[in-house]
Amino acid sequence: MMIEKQIRLPSGQLIGRITDVGNRIEARRTDGVLLGWYCKASDNTRLANGHLYCWGNGVQMLL
């Protein structure tokens, strides 16, 4: 099951989307470009190019 959460500024402007796609959580810009993902199995967050960003769930920090 895919669950999507929209991230907005206090003004209401959409800045990105967080999508739970089963074994990972993805962060995407408003135009759909992947910024990075959190892998639940390895408990780390990676950038779209595959480099380690942080340990644990840091997906919202990518936006």
PDB file of N, CA and C in Angstrom:
ATOM      1  N   MET A   1       0.841  -1.169   0.000  1.00  0.00           N
ATOM      2  CA  MET A   1       0.000   0.000   0.000  1.00  0.00           C
ATOM      3  C   MET A   1       0.891   1.239   0.000  1.00  0.00           C
ATOM      4  N   MET A   2       0.505   2.243  -0.784  1.00  0.00           N
ATOM      5  CA  MET A   2       1.272   3.472  -0.901  1.00  0.00           C
ATOM      6  C   MET A   2       0.539   4.594  -0.164  1.00  0.00           C
ATOM      7  N   ILE A   3       1.228   5.236   0.781  1.00  0.00           N
ATOM      8  CA  ILE A   3       0.648   6.336   1.545  1.00  0.00           C
ATOM      9  C   ILE A   3       1.463   7.584   1.254  1.00  0.00           C
ATOM     10  N   GLU A   4       0.784   8.676   0.841  1.00  0.00           N
ATOM     11  CA  GLU A   4       1.479   9.914   0.503  1.00  0.00           C
ATOM     12  C   GLU A   4       1.090  11.026   1.470  1.00  0.00           C
ATOM     13  N   LYS A   5       2.096  11.809   1.878  1.00  0.00           N
ATOM     14  CA  LYS A   5       1.878  12.944   2.766  1.00  0.00           C
ATOM     15  C   LYS A   5       2.461  14.177   2.088  1.00  0.00           C
ATOM     16  N   GLN A   6       1.665  15.239   1.978  1.00  0.00           N
ATOM     17  CA  GLN A   6       2.141  16.480   1.384  1.00  0.00           C
ATOM     18  C   GLN A   6       2.748  17.357   2.470  1.00  0.00           C
ATOM     19  N   ILE A   7       3.909  17.949   2.178  1.00  0.00           N
ATOM     20  CA  ILE A   7       4.590  18.835   3.115  1.00  0.00           C
ATOM     21  C   ILE A   7       4.419  20.265   2.607  1.00  0.00           C
ATOM     22  N   ARG A   8       3.876  21.124   3.474  1.00  0.00           N
ATOM     23  CA  ARG A   8       3.591  22.507   3.095  1.00  0.00           C
ATOM     24  C   ARG A   8       4.228  23.489   4.075  1.00  0.00           C
ATOM     25  N   LEU A   9       4.515  24.683   3.566  1.00  0.00           N
ATOM     26  CA  LEU A   9       4.959  25.787   4.407  1.00  0.00           C
ATOM     27  C   LEU A   9       3.749  26.327   5.164  1.00  0.00           C
ATOM     28  N   PRO A  10       3.958  27.119   6.224  1.00  0.00           N
ATOM     29  CA  PRO A  10       2.819  27.710   6.938  1.00  0.00           C
ATOM     30  C   PRO A  10       1.906  28.541   6.029  1.00  0.00           C
ATOM     31  N   SER A  11       2.456  29.082   4.938  1.00  0.00           N
ATOM     32  CA  SER A  11       1.659  29.869   3.990  1.00  0.00           C
ATOM     33  C   SER A  11       0.761  28.994   3.125  1.00  0.00           C
ATOM     34  N   GLY A  12       0.975  27.681   3.170  1.00  0.00           N
ATOM     35  CA  GLY A  12       0.178  26.760   2.368  1.00  0.00           C
ATOM     36  C   GLY A  12       0.868  26.288   1.099  1.00  0.00           C
ATOM     37  N   GLN A  13       2.035  26.845   0.794  1.00  0.00           N
ATOM     38  CA  GLN A  13       2.767  26.459  -0.410  1.00  0.00           C
ATOM     39  C   GLN A  13       3.310  25.042  -0.269  1.00  0.00           C
ATOM     40  N   LEU A  14       3.055  24.219  -1.278  1.00  0.00           N
ATOM     41  CA  LEU A  14       3.541  22.840  -1.297  1.00  0.00           C
ATOM     42  C   LEU A  14       5.040  22.832  -1.582  1.00  0.00           C
ATOM     43  N   ILE A  15       5.824  22.141  -0.718  1.00  0.00           N
ATOM     44  CA  ILE A  15       7.276  22.075  -0.941  1.00  0.00           C
ATOM     45  C   ILE A  15       7.758  20.672  -1.284  1.00  0.00           C
ATOM     46  N   GLY A  16       6.914  19.665  -1.082  1.00  0.00           N
ATOM     47  CA  GLY A  16       7.313  18.309  -1.426  1.00  0.00           C
ATOM     48  C   GLY A  16       6.331  17.270  -0.942  1.00  0.00           C
ATOM     49  N   ARG A  17       6.660  16.014  -1.236  1.00  0.00           N
ATOM     50  CA  ARG A  17       5.818  14.889  -0.847  1.00  0.00           C
ATOM     51  C   ARG A  17       6.666  13.791  -0.219  1.00  0.00           C
ATOM     52  N   ILE A  18       6.125  13.173   0.821  1.00  0.00           N
ATOM     53  CA  ILE A  18       6.736  12.015   1.462  1.00  0.00           C
ATOM     54  C   ILE A  18       5.831  10.830   1.149  1.00  0.00           C
ATOM     55  N   THR A  19       6.378   9.784   0.547  1.00  0.00           N
ATOM     56  CA  THR A  19       5.587   8.630   0.137  1.00  0.00           C
ATOM     57  C   THR A  19       6.138   7.360   0.760  1.00  0.00           C
ATOM     58  N   ASP A  20       5.271   6.629   1.450  1.00  0.00           N
ATOM     59  CA  ASP A  20       5.633   5.335   2.047  1.00  0.00           C
ATOM     60  C   ASP A  20       5.264   4.258   1.033  1.00  0.00           C
ATOM     61  N   VAL A  21       6.260   3.599   0.473  1.00  0.00           N
ATOM     62  CA  VAL A  21       6.036   2.597  -0.575  1.00  0.00           C
ATOM     63  C   VAL A  21       6.398   1.188  -0.116  1.00  0.00           C
ATOM     64  N   GLY A  22       6.104   0.887   1.124  1.00  0.00           N
ATOM     65  CA  GLY A  22       6.353  -0.460   1.634  1.00  0.00           C
ATOM     66  C   GLY A  22       7.639  -0.557   2.419  1.00  0.00           C
ATOM     67  N   ASN A  23       8.715  -0.964   1.742  1.00  0.00           N
ATOM     68  CA  ASN A  23       9.983  -1.167   2.454  1.00  0.00           C
ATOM     69  C   ASN A  23      10.832   0.096   2.545  1.00  0.00           C
ATOM     70  N   ARG A  24      10.378   1.203   1.938  1.00  0.00           N
ATOM     71  CA  ARG A  24      11.116   2.457   2.041  1.00  0.00           C
ATOM     72  C   ARG A  24      10.171   3.656   1.975  1.00  0.00           C
ATOM     73  N   ILE A  25      10.681   4.801   2.430  1.00  0.00           N
ATOM     74  CA  ILE A  25       9.930   6.053   2.417  1.00  0.00           C
ATOM     75  C   ILE A  25      10.699   7.017   1.525  1.00  0.00           C
ATOM     76  N   GLU A  26      10.033   7.574   0.507  1.00  0.00           N
ATOM     77  CA  GLU A  26      10.689   8.447  -0.461  1.00  0.00           C
ATOM     78  C   GLU A  26      10.315   9.904  -0.234  1.00  0.00           C
ATOM     79  N   ALA A  27      11.271  10.811  -0.490  1.00  0.00           N
ATOM     80  CA  ALA A  27      11.036  12.253  -0.473  1.00  0.00           C
ATOM     81  C   ALA A  27      11.170  12.750  -1.904  1.00  0.00           C
ATOM     82  N   ARG A  28      10.147  13.478  -2.365  1.00  0.00           N
ATOM     83  CA  ARG A  28      10.159  14.007  -3.731  1.00  0.00           C
ATOM     84  C   ARG A  28       9.807  15.487  -3.727  1.00  0.00           C
ATOM     85  N   ARG A  29      10.403  16.216  -4.676  1.00  0.00           N
ATOM     86  CA  ARG A  29      10.044  17.618  -4.866  1.00  0.00           C
ATOM     87  C   ARG A  29       8.643  17.688  -5.455  1.00  0.00           C
ATOM     88  N   THR A  30       8.118  18.890  -5.569  1.00  0.00           N
ATOM     89  CA  THR A  30       6.769  19.054  -6.109  1.00  0.00           C
ATOM     90  C   THR A  30       6.675  18.621  -7.571  1.00  0.00           C
ATOM     91  N   ASP A  31       7.780  18.683  -8.307  1.00  0.00           N
ATOM     92  CA  ASP A  31       7.762  18.261  -9.710  1.00  0.00           C
ATOM     93  C   ASP A  31       8.026  16.765  -9.876  1.00  0.00           C
ATOM     94  N   GLY A  32       8.117  16.033  -8.761  1.00  0.00           N
ATOM     95  CA  GLY A  32       8.252  14.581  -8.812  1.00  0.00           C
ATOM     96  C   GLY A  32       9.667  14.044  -8.787  1.00  0.00           C
ATOM     97  N   VAL A  33      10.666  14.919  -8.765  1.00  0.00           N
ATOM     98  CA  VAL A  33      12.066  14.481  -8.754  1.00  0.00           C
ATOM     99  C   VAL A  33      12.403  13.885  -7.383  1.00  0.00           C
ATOM    100  N   LEU A  34      12.988  12.691  -7.390  1.00  0.00           N
ATOM    101  CA  LEU A  34      13.376  12.011  -6.157  1.00  0.00           C
ATOM    102  C   LEU A  34      14.545  12.730  -5.494  1.00  0.00           C
ATOM    103  N   LEU A  35      14.393  13.066  -4.198  1.00  0.00           N
ATOM    104  CA  LEU A  35      15.469  13.690  -3.426  1.00  0.00           C
ATOM    105  C   LEU A  35      16.256  12.653  -2.644  1.00  0.00           C
ATOM    106  N   GLY A  36      15.552  11.639  -2.147  1.00  0.00           N
ATOM    107  CA  GLY A  36      16.194  10.597  -1.370  1.00  0.00           C
ATOM    108  C   GLY A  36      15.163   9.665  -0.775  1.00  0.00           C
ATOM    109  N   TRP A  37      15.643   8.681   0.016  1.00  0.00           N
ATOM    110  CA  TRP A  37      14.727   7.715   0.611  1.00  0.00           C
ATOM    111  C   TRP A  37      15.283   7.183   1.915  1.00  0.00           C
ATOM    112  N   TYR A  38      14.375   6.677   2.748  1.00  0.00           N
ATOM    113  CA  TYR A  38      14.721   6.021   4.008  1.00  0.00           C
ATOM    114  C   TYR A  38      14.442   4.539   3.838  1.00  0.00           C
ATOM    115  N   CYS A  39      15.446   3.707   4.062  1.00  0.00           N
ATOM    116  CA  CYS A  39      15.306   2.254   3.969  1.00  0.00           C
ATOM    117  C   CYS A  39      15.001   1.720   5.364  1.00  0.00           C
ATOM    118  N   LYS A  40      13.835   1.117   5.526  1.00  0.00           N
ATOM    119  CA  LYS A  40      13.413   0.614   6.833  1.00  0.00           C
ATOM    120  C   LYS A  40      14.271  -0.563   7.292  1.00  0.00           C
ATOM    121  N   ALA A  41      14.721  -1.395   6.377  1.00  0.00           N
ATOM    122  CA  ALA A  41      15.502  -2.587   6.734  1.00  0.00           C
ATOM    123  C   ALA A  41      16.883  -2.224   7.286  1.00  0.00           C
ATOM    124  N   SER A  42      17.557  -1.250   6.662  1.00  0.00           N
ATOM    125  CA  SER A  42      18.904  -0.876   7.103  1.00  0.00           C
ATOM    126  C   SER A  42      18.914   0.343   8.022  1.00  0.00           C
ATOM    127  N   ASP A  43      17.759   0.977   8.238  1.00  0.00           N
ATOM    128  CA  ASP A  43      17.596   2.131   9.133  1.00  0.00           C
ATOM    129  C   ASP A  43      18.557   3.263   8.786  1.00  0.00           C
ATOM    130  N   ASN A  44      18.604   3.633   7.485  1.00  0.00           N
ATOM    131  CA  ASN A  44      19.389   4.797   7.095  1.00  0.00           C
ATOM    132  C   ASN A  44      18.695   5.536   5.957  1.00  0.00           C
ATOM    133  N   THR A  45      19.060   6.806   5.801  1.00  0.00           N
ATOM    134  CA  THR A  45      18.493   7.660   4.761  1.00  0.00           C
ATOM    135  C   THR A  45      19.568   7.918   3.719  1.00  0.00           C
ATOM    136  N   ARG A  46      19.202   7.777   2.467  1.00  0.00           N
ATOM    137  CA  ARG A  46      20.147   7.979   1.367  1.00  0.00           C
ATOM    138  C   ARG A  46      19.642   9.063   0.423  1.00  0.00           C
ATOM    139  N   LEU A  47      20.580   9.777  -0.195  1.00  0.00           N
ATOM    140  CA  LEU A  47      20.247  10.763  -1.210  1.00  0.00           C
ATOM    141  C   LEU A  47      19.879  10.046  -2.503  1.00  0.00           C
ATOM    142  N   ALA A  48      19.313  10.771  -3.455  1.00  0.00           N
ATOM    143  CA  ALA A  48      18.890  10.170  -4.718  1.00  0.00           C
ATOM    144  C   ALA A  48      20.054   9.519  -5.464  1.00  0.00           C
ATOM    145  N   ASN A  49      21.282  10.006  -5.266  1.00  0.00           N
ATOM    146  CA  ASN A  49      22.444   9.422  -5.943  1.00  0.00           C
ATOM    147  C   ASN A  49      22.981   8.176  -5.236  1.00  0.00           C
ATOM    148  N   GLY A  50      22.352   7.798  -4.096  1.00  0.00           N
ATOM    149  CA  GLY A  50      22.748   6.593  -3.384  1.00  0.00           C
ATOM    150  C   GLY A  50      23.685   6.805  -2.211  1.00  0.00           C
ATOM    151  N   HIS A  51      24.212   8.017  -2.049  1.00  0.00           N
ATOM    152  CA  HIS A  51      25.122   8.296  -0.933  1.00  0.00           C
ATOM    153  C   HIS A  51      24.354   8.363   0.382  1.00  0.00           C
ATOM    154  N   LEU A  52      25.000   7.901   1.452  1.00  0.00           N
ATOM    155  CA  LEU A  52      24.402   7.924   2.781  1.00  0.00           C
ATOM    156  C   LEU A  52      24.221   9.365   3.240  1.00  0.00           C
ATOM    157  N   TYR A  53      23.009   9.710   3.686  1.00  0.00           N
ATOM    158  CA  TYR A  53      22.704  11.050   4.197  1.00  0.00           C
ATOM    159  C   TYR A  53      22.754  11.064   5.720  1.00  0.00           C
ATOM    160  N   CYS A  54      22.101  10.103   6.361  1.00  0.00           N
ATOM    161  CA  CYS A  54      22.133  10.009   7.821  1.00  0.00           C
ATOM    162  C   CYS A  54      21.626   8.640   8.265  1.00  0.00           C
ATOM    163  N   TRP A  55      21.913   8.289   9.518  1.00  0.00           N
ATOM    164  CA  TRP A  55      21.373   7.076  10.119  1.00  0.00           C
ATOM    165  C   TRP A  55      19.988   7.404  10.650  1.00  0.00           C
ATOM    166  N   GLY A  56      19.066   6.490  10.531  1.00  0.00           N
ATOM    167  CA  GLY A  56      17.696   6.728  10.984  1.00  0.00           C
ATOM    168  C   GLY A  56      16.877   7.395   9.894  1.00  0.00           C
ATOM    169  N   ASN A  57      15.682   7.828  10.261  1.00  0.00           N
ATOM    170  CA  ASN A  57      14.760   8.420   9.299  1.00  0.00           C
ATOM    171  C   ASN A  57      14.972   9.927   9.233  1.00  0.00           C
ATOM    172  N   GLY A  58      15.640  10.394   8.184  1.00  0.00           N
ATOM    173  CA  GLY A  58      15.889  11.817   7.979  1.00  0.00           C
ATOM    174  C   GLY A  58      15.227  12.338   6.726  1.00  0.00           C
ATOM    175  N   VAL A  59      14.167  11.688   6.286  1.00  0.00           N
ATOM    176  CA  VAL A  59      13.527  12.027   5.013  1.00  0.00           C
ATOM    177  C   VAL A  59      12.993  13.459   5.003  1.00  0.00           C
ATOM    178  N   GLN A  60      12.342  13.906   6.061  1.00  0.00           N
ATOM    179  CA  GLN A  60      11.768  15.254   6.058  1.00  0.00           C
ATOM    180  C   GLN A  60      12.846  16.328   6.011  1.00  0.00           C
ATOM    181  N   MET A  61      14.055  16.028   6.480  1.00  0.00           N
ATOM    182  CA  MET A  61      15.150  16.998   6.411  1.00  0.00           C
ATOM    183  C   MET A  61      15.607  17.217   4.970  1.00  0.00           C
ATOM    184  N   LEU A  62      15.301  16.305   4.059  1.00  0.00           N
ATOM    185  CA  LEU A  62      15.691  16.453   2.659  1.00  0.00           C
ATOM    186  C   LEU A  62      14.891  17.550   1.964  1.00  0.00           C
ATOM    187  N   LEU A  63      13.696  17.836   2.481  1.00  0.00           N
ATOM    188  CA  LEU A  63      12.868  18.883   1.889  1.00  0.00           C
ATOM    189  C   LEU A  63      13.282  20.189   2.465  1.00  0.00           C
TER     190      LEU A  63
END
